[in-house]
């Protein structure tokens, strides 16, 4: 058993050699889908986004990420987050990394008086007592409303280098947003300059 654990430890240490250098920067674009996993909110938004990455050290990089998630049931999202990645080199061309980050989400038209949300979605609907949105968040049919929330990202990603400058990748995260927890999945391309 000790030999097995030593072998696993050496393999993980071997993954820690990196091709990226401190100070490397890249920009990229994303496409994605983000289903909301909150009870009673059956939203799935498709999105587009942009990102900027900077290597603080060889294995550690930070990323500024801006995504717009298109309307689903009249609800859209705009989120900005700053994430940290720790790169593990799997092969010369493949890196995997955990994602952790903080950000801000602007949620447009989170609920309105229409057929998108039924009374049965929320027990005790008449008094809004179990409704995830506070009573003061409701407006009449002619108005729109929005919510602003902090967000937390936790996930994993992988990237494949097509050339020295261009790579493609994918990420899946759990995104905690009060009343709107989501699991965004994004694919994208980045250009290193």
C-alpha atoms as a PDB file:
ATOM      1  CA  UNK A   1       0.000   0.000   0.000  1.00  0.00           C
ATOM      2  CA  UNK A   2       2.859   2.398   0.812  1.00  0.00           C
ATOM      3  CA  UNK A   3       4.412   1.760  -2.620  1.00  0.00           C
ATOM      4  CA  UNK A   4       1.063   2.488  -4.276  1.00  0.00           C
ATOM      5  CA  UNK A   5       0.673   5.792  -2.382  1.00  0.00           C
ATOM      6  CA  UNK A   6       4.288   6.731  -3.190  1.00  0.00           C
ATOM      7  CA  UNK A   7       3.647   6.016  -6.894  1.00  0.00           C
ATOM      8  CA  UNK A   8       0.479   8.167  -6.841  1.00  0.00           C
ATOM      9  CA  UNK A   9       2.377  10.975  -5.080  1.00  0.00           C
ATOM     10  CA  UNK A  10       5.182  10.900  -7.668  1.00  0.00           C
ATOM     11  CA  UNK A  11       2.664  10.888 -10.514  1.00  0.00           C
ATOM     12  CA  UNK A  12       0.930  13.967  -9.100  1.00  0.00           C
ATOM     13  CA  UNK A  13       4.280  15.693  -8.611  1.00  0.00           C
ATOM     14  CA  UNK A  14       5.139  14.868 -12.233  1.00  0.00           C
ATOM     15  CA  UNK A  15       1.984  16.621 -13.369  1.00  0.00           C
ATOM     16  CA  UNK A  16       3.252  19.829 -11.812  1.00  0.00           C
ATOM     17  CA  UNK A  17       5.709  20.793 -14.553  1.00  0.00           C
ATOM     18  CA  UNK A  18       4.280  23.707 -16.499  1.00  0.00           C
ATOM     19  CA  UNK A  19       4.747  25.198 -19.953  1.00  0.00           C
ATOM     20  CA  UNK A  20       3.200  28.536 -18.981  1.00  0.00           C
ATOM     21  CA  UNK A  21       5.405  31.301 -17.654  1.00  0.00           C
ATOM     22  CA  UNK A  22       4.844  34.031 -15.101  1.00  0.00           C
ATOM     23  CA  UNK A  23       3.431  37.104 -16.852  1.00  0.00           C
ATOM     24  CA  UNK A  24       1.829  35.232 -19.779  1.00  0.00           C
ATOM     25  CA  UNK A  25      -1.492  36.790 -20.828  1.00  0.00           C
ATOM     26  CA  UNK A  26      -4.325  35.570 -23.013  1.00  0.00           C
ATOM     27  CA  UNK A  27      -7.805  36.614 -24.121  1.00  0.00           C
ATOM     28  CA  UNK A  28     -10.683  34.423 -25.175  1.00  0.00           C
ATOM     29  CA  UNK A  29     -14.352  33.916 -25.943  1.00  0.00           C
ATOM     30  CA  UNK A  30     -16.870  31.397 -24.558  1.00  0.00           C
ATOM     31  CA  UNK A  31     -20.166  29.779 -25.458  1.00  0.00           C
ATOM     32  CA  UNK A  32     -22.160  27.981 -22.808  1.00  0.00           C
ATOM     33  CA  UNK A  33     -25.307  26.723 -21.193  1.00  0.00           C
ATOM     34  CA  UNK A  34     -26.319  27.297 -17.553  1.00  0.00           C
ATOM     35  CA  UNK A  35     -29.222  25.380 -16.041  1.00  0.00           C
ATOM     36  CA  UNK A  36     -30.616  26.819 -12.811  1.00  0.00           C
ATOM     37  CA  UNK A  37     -30.884  24.103 -10.160  1.00  0.00           C
ATOM     38  CA  UNK A  38     -33.082  25.967  -7.678  1.00  0.00           C
ATOM     39  CA  UNK A  39     -36.368  24.339  -6.721  1.00  0.00           C
ATOM     40  CA  UNK A  40     -39.229  25.795  -8.723  1.00  0.00           C
ATOM     41  CA  UNK A  41     -37.079  27.726 -11.217  1.00  0.00           C
ATOM     42  CA  UNK A  42     -36.784  25.734 -14.437  1.00  0.00           C
ATOM     43  CA  UNK A  43     -34.445  28.133 -16.258  1.00  0.00           C
ATOM     44  CA  UNK A  44     -31.713  27.175 -18.692  1.00  0.00           C
ATOM     45  CA  UNK A  45     -29.833  30.076 -20.226  1.00  0.00           C
ATOM     46  CA  UNK A  46     -27.487  29.945 -23.211  1.00  0.00           C
ATOM     47  CA  UNK A  47     -24.610  32.388 -23.047  1.00  0.00           C
ATOM     48  CA  UNK A  48     -21.692  34.127 -24.671  1.00  0.00           C
ATOM     49  CA  UNK A  49     -18.705  35.610 -22.920  1.00  0.00           C
ATOM     50  CA  UNK A  50     -15.192  36.972 -22.917  1.00  0.00           C
ATOM     51  CA  UNK A  51     -12.225  36.357 -20.639  1.00  0.00           C
ATOM     52  CA  UNK A  52      -8.769  37.701 -19.836  1.00  0.00           C
ATOM     53  CA  UNK A  53      -6.132  35.487 -18.203  1.00  0.00           C
ATOM     54  CA  UNK A  54      -2.863  36.390 -16.486  1.00  0.00           C
ATOM     55  CA  UNK A  55      -0.242  33.988 -15.063  1.00  0.00           C
ATOM     56  CA  UNK A  56       0.767  35.164 -11.588  1.00  0.00           C
ATOM     57  CA  UNK A  57       3.245  32.257 -11.371  1.00  0.00           C
ATOM     58  CA  UNK A  58       3.853  29.317 -13.696  1.00  0.00           C
ATOM     59  CA  UNK A  59       1.057  27.138 -12.255  1.00  0.00           C
ATOM     60  CA  UNK A  60      -1.281  29.866 -10.936  1.00  0.00           C
ATOM     61  CA  UNK A  61      -3.314  32.178 -13.131  1.00  0.00           C
ATOM     62  CA  UNK A  62      -6.167  34.576 -12.553  1.00  0.00           C
ATOM     63  CA  UNK A  63      -9.023  35.119 -14.952  1.00  0.00           C
ATOM     64  CA  UNK A  64     -11.494  37.977 -15.351  1.00  0.00           C
ATOM     65  CA  UNK A  65     -14.649  36.583 -16.951  1.00  0.00           C
ATOM     66  CA  UNK A  66     -17.712  38.450 -18.302  1.00  0.00           C
ATOM     67  CA  UNK A  67     -20.711  36.424 -19.531  1.00  0.00           C
ATOM     68  CA  UNK A  68     -24.154  37.353 -20.836  1.00  0.00           C
ATOM     69  CA  UNK A  69     -26.757  34.592 -20.514  1.00  0.00           C
ATOM     70  CA  UNK A  70     -29.684  34.980 -22.945  1.00  0.00           C
ATOM     71  CA  UNK A  71     -33.298  35.141 -21.796  1.00  0.00           C
ATOM     72  CA  UNK A  72     -35.077  32.035 -20.652  1.00  0.00           C
ATOM     73  CA  UNK A  73     -38.635  32.529 -19.414  1.00  0.00           C
ATOM     74  CA  UNK A  74     -37.967  36.295 -19.548  1.00  0.00           C
ATOM     75  CA  UNK A  75     -34.994  35.958 -17.156  1.00  0.00           C
ATOM     76  CA  UNK A  76     -31.467  36.844 -18.310  1.00  0.00           C
ATOM     77  CA  UNK A  77     -28.130  37.072 -16.501  1.00  0.00           C
ATOM     78  CA  UNK A  78     -25.037  39.224 -16.793  1.00  0.00           C
ATOM     79  CA  UNK A  79     -22.206  38.046 -14.593  1.00  0.00           C
ATOM     80  CA  UNK A  80     -18.657  39.172 -13.946  1.00  0.00           C
ATOM     81  CA  UNK A  81     -16.250  37.063 -11.916  1.00  0.00           C
ATOM     82  CA  UNK A  82     -12.586  36.833 -11.018  1.00  0.00           C
ATOM     83  CA  UNK A  83     -11.394  33.225 -10.860  1.00  0.00           C
ATOM     84  CA  UNK A  84      -8.164  31.515  -9.859  1.00  0.00           C
ATOM     85  CA  UNK A  85      -6.819  28.426 -11.661  1.00  0.00           C
ATOM     86  CA  UNK A  86      -4.038  26.051 -10.616  1.00  0.00           C
ATOM     87  CA  UNK A  87      -2.759  24.307 -13.751  1.00  0.00           C
ATOM     88  CA  UNK A  88      -1.793  20.629 -13.791  1.00  0.00           C
ATOM     89  CA  UNK A  89       0.039  19.560 -16.941  1.00  0.00           C
ATOM     90  CA  UNK A  90      -1.306  16.192 -18.116  1.00  0.00           C
ATOM     91  CA  UNK A  91       0.589  16.094 -21.436  1.00  0.00           C
ATOM     92  CA  UNK A  92       2.547  18.644 -23.458  1.00  0.00           C
ATOM     93  CA  UNK A  93      -0.721  19.948 -24.865  1.00  0.00           C
ATOM     94  CA  UNK A  94      -3.310  19.285 -22.120  1.00  0.00           C
ATOM     95  CA  UNK A  95      -3.797  21.131 -18.812  1.00  0.00           C
ATOM     96  CA  UNK A  96      -6.492  20.547 -16.214  1.00  0.00           C
ATOM     97  CA  UNK A  97      -7.288  22.962 -13.401  1.00  0.00           C
ATOM     98  CA  UNK A  98      -9.626  23.616 -10.498  1.00  0.00           C
ATOM     99  CA  UNK A  99     -11.607  26.877 -10.605  1.00  0.00           C
ATOM    100  CA  UNK A 100     -12.497  29.056  -7.601  1.00  0.00           C
ATOM    101  CA  UNK A 101     -13.789  32.593  -7.809  1.00  0.00           C
ATOM    102  CA  UNK A 102     -15.989  35.445  -6.683  1.00  0.00           C
ATOM    103  CA  UNK A 103     -18.168  37.742  -8.694  1.00  0.00           C
ATOM    104  CA  UNK A 104     -21.326  39.722  -9.286  1.00  0.00           C
ATOM    105  CA  UNK A 105     -24.518  38.749 -11.112  1.00  0.00           C
ATOM    106  CA  UNK A 106     -27.205  41.037 -12.515  1.00  0.00           C
ATOM    107  CA  UNK A 107     -30.424  39.085 -13.033  1.00  0.00           C
ATOM    108  CA  UNK A 108     -32.949  40.744 -15.316  1.00  0.00           C
ATOM    109  CA  UNK A 109     -36.682  40.093 -14.878  1.00  0.00           C
ATOM    110  CA  UNK A 110     -36.300  37.301 -12.316  1.00  0.00           C
ATOM    111  CA  UNK A 111     -40.068  36.781 -12.126  1.00  0.00           C
ATOM    112  CA  UNK A 112     -43.175  38.470 -13.467  1.00  0.00           C
ATOM    113  CA  UNK A 113     -46.917  37.972 -13.369  1.00  0.00           C
ATOM    114  CA  UNK A 114     -47.244  35.681 -16.345  1.00  0.00           C
ATOM    115  CA  UNK A 115     -47.533  31.997 -17.188  1.00  0.00           C
ATOM    116  CA  UNK A 116     -43.808  31.318 -16.763  1.00  0.00           C
ATOM    117  CA  UNK A 117     -44.233  30.606 -13.063  1.00  0.00           C
ATOM    118  CA  UNK A 118     -47.266  28.794 -11.737  1.00  0.00           C
ATOM    119  CA  UNK A 119     -48.792  29.079  -8.270  1.00  0.00           C
ATOM    120  CA  UNK A 120     -47.868  25.445  -7.712  1.00  0.00           C
ATOM    121  CA  UNK A 121     -44.155  26.328  -8.011  1.00  0.00           C
ATOM    122  CA  UNK A 122     -44.315  27.990  -4.626  1.00  0.00           C
ATOM    123  CA  UNK A 123     -46.225  26.636  -1.618  1.00  0.00           C
ATOM    124  CA  UNK A 124     -48.255  29.352   0.162  1.00  0.00           C
ATOM    125  CA  UNK A 125     -47.973  31.526  -2.960  1.00  0.00           C
ATOM    126  CA  UNK A 126     -50.658  33.967  -1.838  1.00  0.00           C
ATOM    127  CA  UNK A 127     -48.479  35.257   0.999  1.00  0.00           C
ATOM    128  CA  UNK A 128     -45.169  34.705  -0.843  1.00  0.00           C
ATOM    129  CA  UNK A 129     -43.941  33.090   2.382  1.00  0.00           C
ATOM    130  CA  UNK A 130     -41.925  30.334   0.680  1.00  0.00           C
ATOM    131  CA  UNK A 131     -41.166  32.257  -2.482  1.00  0.00           C
ATOM    132  CA  UNK A 132     -37.400  32.696  -3.094  1.00  0.00           C
ATOM    133  CA  UNK A 133     -38.003  36.288  -4.210  1.00  0.00           C
ATOM    134  CA  UNK A 134     -39.093  38.819  -1.616  1.00  0.00           C
ATOM    135  CA  UNK A 135     -42.505  40.446  -1.978  1.00  0.00           C
ATOM    136  CA  UNK A 136     -40.968  43.862  -2.689  1.00  0.00           C
ATOM    137  CA  UNK A 137     -39.195  42.385  -5.737  1.00  0.00           C
ATOM    138  CA  UNK A 138     -42.545  42.032  -7.525  1.00  0.00           C
ATOM    139  CA  UNK A 139     -43.753  44.728  -9.888  1.00  0.00           C
ATOM    140  CA  UNK A 140     -46.816  45.099 -12.072  1.00  0.00           C
ATOM    141  CA  UNK A 141     -47.120  43.658 -15.593  1.00  0.00           C
ATOM    142  CA  UNK A 142     -45.890  46.824 -17.300  1.00  0.00           C
ATOM    143  CA  UNK A 143     -42.632  47.010 -15.321  1.00  0.00           C
ATOM    144  CA  UNK A 144     -39.518  44.955 -15.344  1.00  0.00           C
ATOM    145  CA  UNK A 145     -37.331  44.338 -12.369  1.00  0.00           C
ATOM    146  CA  UNK A 146     -33.890  43.029 -11.682  1.00  0.00           C
ATOM    147  CA  UNK A 147     -31.781  41.642  -8.875  1.00  0.00           C
ATOM    148  CA  UNK A 148     -28.104  42.050  -8.091  1.00  0.00           C
ATOM    149  CA  UNK A 149     -26.312  39.231  -6.306  1.00  0.00           C
ATOM    150  CA  UNK A 150     -22.814  38.206  -5.314  1.00  0.00           C
ATOM    151  CA  UNK A 151     -21.701  34.859  -6.733  1.00  0.00           C
ATOM    152  CA  UNK A 152     -19.203  32.130  -5.871  1.00  0.00           C
ATOM    153  CA  UNK A 153     -17.691  29.792  -8.485  1.00  0.00           C
ATOM    154  CA  UNK A 154     -16.257  26.328  -7.795  1.00  0.00           C
ATOM    155  CA  UNK A 155     -15.441  23.966 -10.641  1.00  0.00           C
ATOM    156  CA  UNK A 156     -12.971  22.286 -12.937  1.00  0.00           C
ATOM    157  CA  UNK A 157     -11.628  22.998 -16.411  1.00  0.00           C
ATOM    158  CA  UNK A 158      -9.381  21.560 -19.096  1.00  0.00           C
ATOM    159  CA  UNK A 159      -7.590  23.069 -22.074  1.00  0.00           C
ATOM    160  CA  UNK A 160      -5.847  21.733 -25.159  1.00  0.00           C
ATOM    161  CA  UNK A 161      -3.145  23.719 -26.975  1.00  0.00           C
ATOM    162  CA  UNK A 162      -3.713  23.727 -30.731  1.00  0.00           C
ATOM    163  CA  UNK A 163      -0.606  25.892 -31.285  1.00  0.00           C
ATOM    164  CA  UNK A 164       1.784  27.886 -29.092  1.00  0.00           C
ATOM    165  CA  UNK A 165      -0.707  30.774 -29.165  1.00  0.00           C
ATOM    166  CA  UNK A 166      -4.185  29.186 -29.495  1.00  0.00           C
ATOM    167  CA  UNK A 167      -5.916  26.765 -27.144  1.00  0.00           C
ATOM    168  CA  UNK A 168      -9.442  25.394 -26.755  1.00  0.00           C
ATOM    169  CA  UNK A 169     -11.036  24.406 -23.484  1.00  0.00           C
ATOM    170  CA  UNK A 170     -14.072  23.527 -21.432  1.00  0.00           C
ATOM    171  CA  UNK A 171     -15.196  24.329 -17.889  1.00  0.00           C
ATOM    172  CA  UNK A 172     -17.989  23.194 -15.627  1.00  0.00           C
ATOM    173  CA  UNK A 173     -18.731  25.048 -12.405  1.00  0.00           C
ATOM    174  CA  UNK A 174     -21.170  25.175  -9.566  1.00  0.00           C
ATOM    175  CA  UNK A 175     -22.188  28.816  -9.347  1.00  0.00           C
ATOM    176  CA  UNK A 176     -23.757  29.859  -6.063  1.00  0.00           C
ATOM    177  CA  UNK A 177     -26.095  32.845  -6.521  1.00  0.00           C
ATOM    178  CA  UNK A 178     -28.706  33.322  -3.812  1.00  0.00           C
ATOM    179  CA  UNK A 179     -32.001  31.875  -5.136  1.00  0.00           C
ATOM    180  CA  UNK A 180     -30.398  31.087  -8.540  1.00  0.00           C
ATOM    181  CA  UNK A 181     -27.764  28.353  -8.039  1.00  0.00           C
ATOM    182  CA  UNK A 182     -26.589  27.211 -11.458  1.00  0.00           C
ATOM    183  CA  UNK A 183     -24.209  24.789 -13.153  1.00  0.00           C
ATOM    184  CA  UNK A 184     -22.667  26.650 -16.125  1.00  0.00           C
ATOM    185  CA  UNK A 185     -20.867  24.566 -18.750  1.00  0.00           C
ATOM    186  CA  UNK A 186     -18.719  26.578 -21.166  1.00  0.00           C
ATOM    187  CA  UNK A 187     -16.481  25.843 -24.133  1.00  0.00           C
ATOM    188  CA  UNK A 188     -14.116  28.421 -25.530  1.00  0.00           C
ATOM    189  CA  UNK A 189     -10.976  29.428 -27.336  1.00  0.00           C
ATOM    190  CA  UNK A 190      -8.108  31.577 -26.058  1.00  0.00           C
ATOM    191  CA  UNK A 191      -5.267  33.444 -27.741  1.00  0.00           C
ATOM    192  CA  UNK A 192      -1.976  33.982 -25.885  1.00  0.00           C
ATOM    193  CA  UNK A 193      -0.097  37.192 -26.644  1.00  0.00           C
END
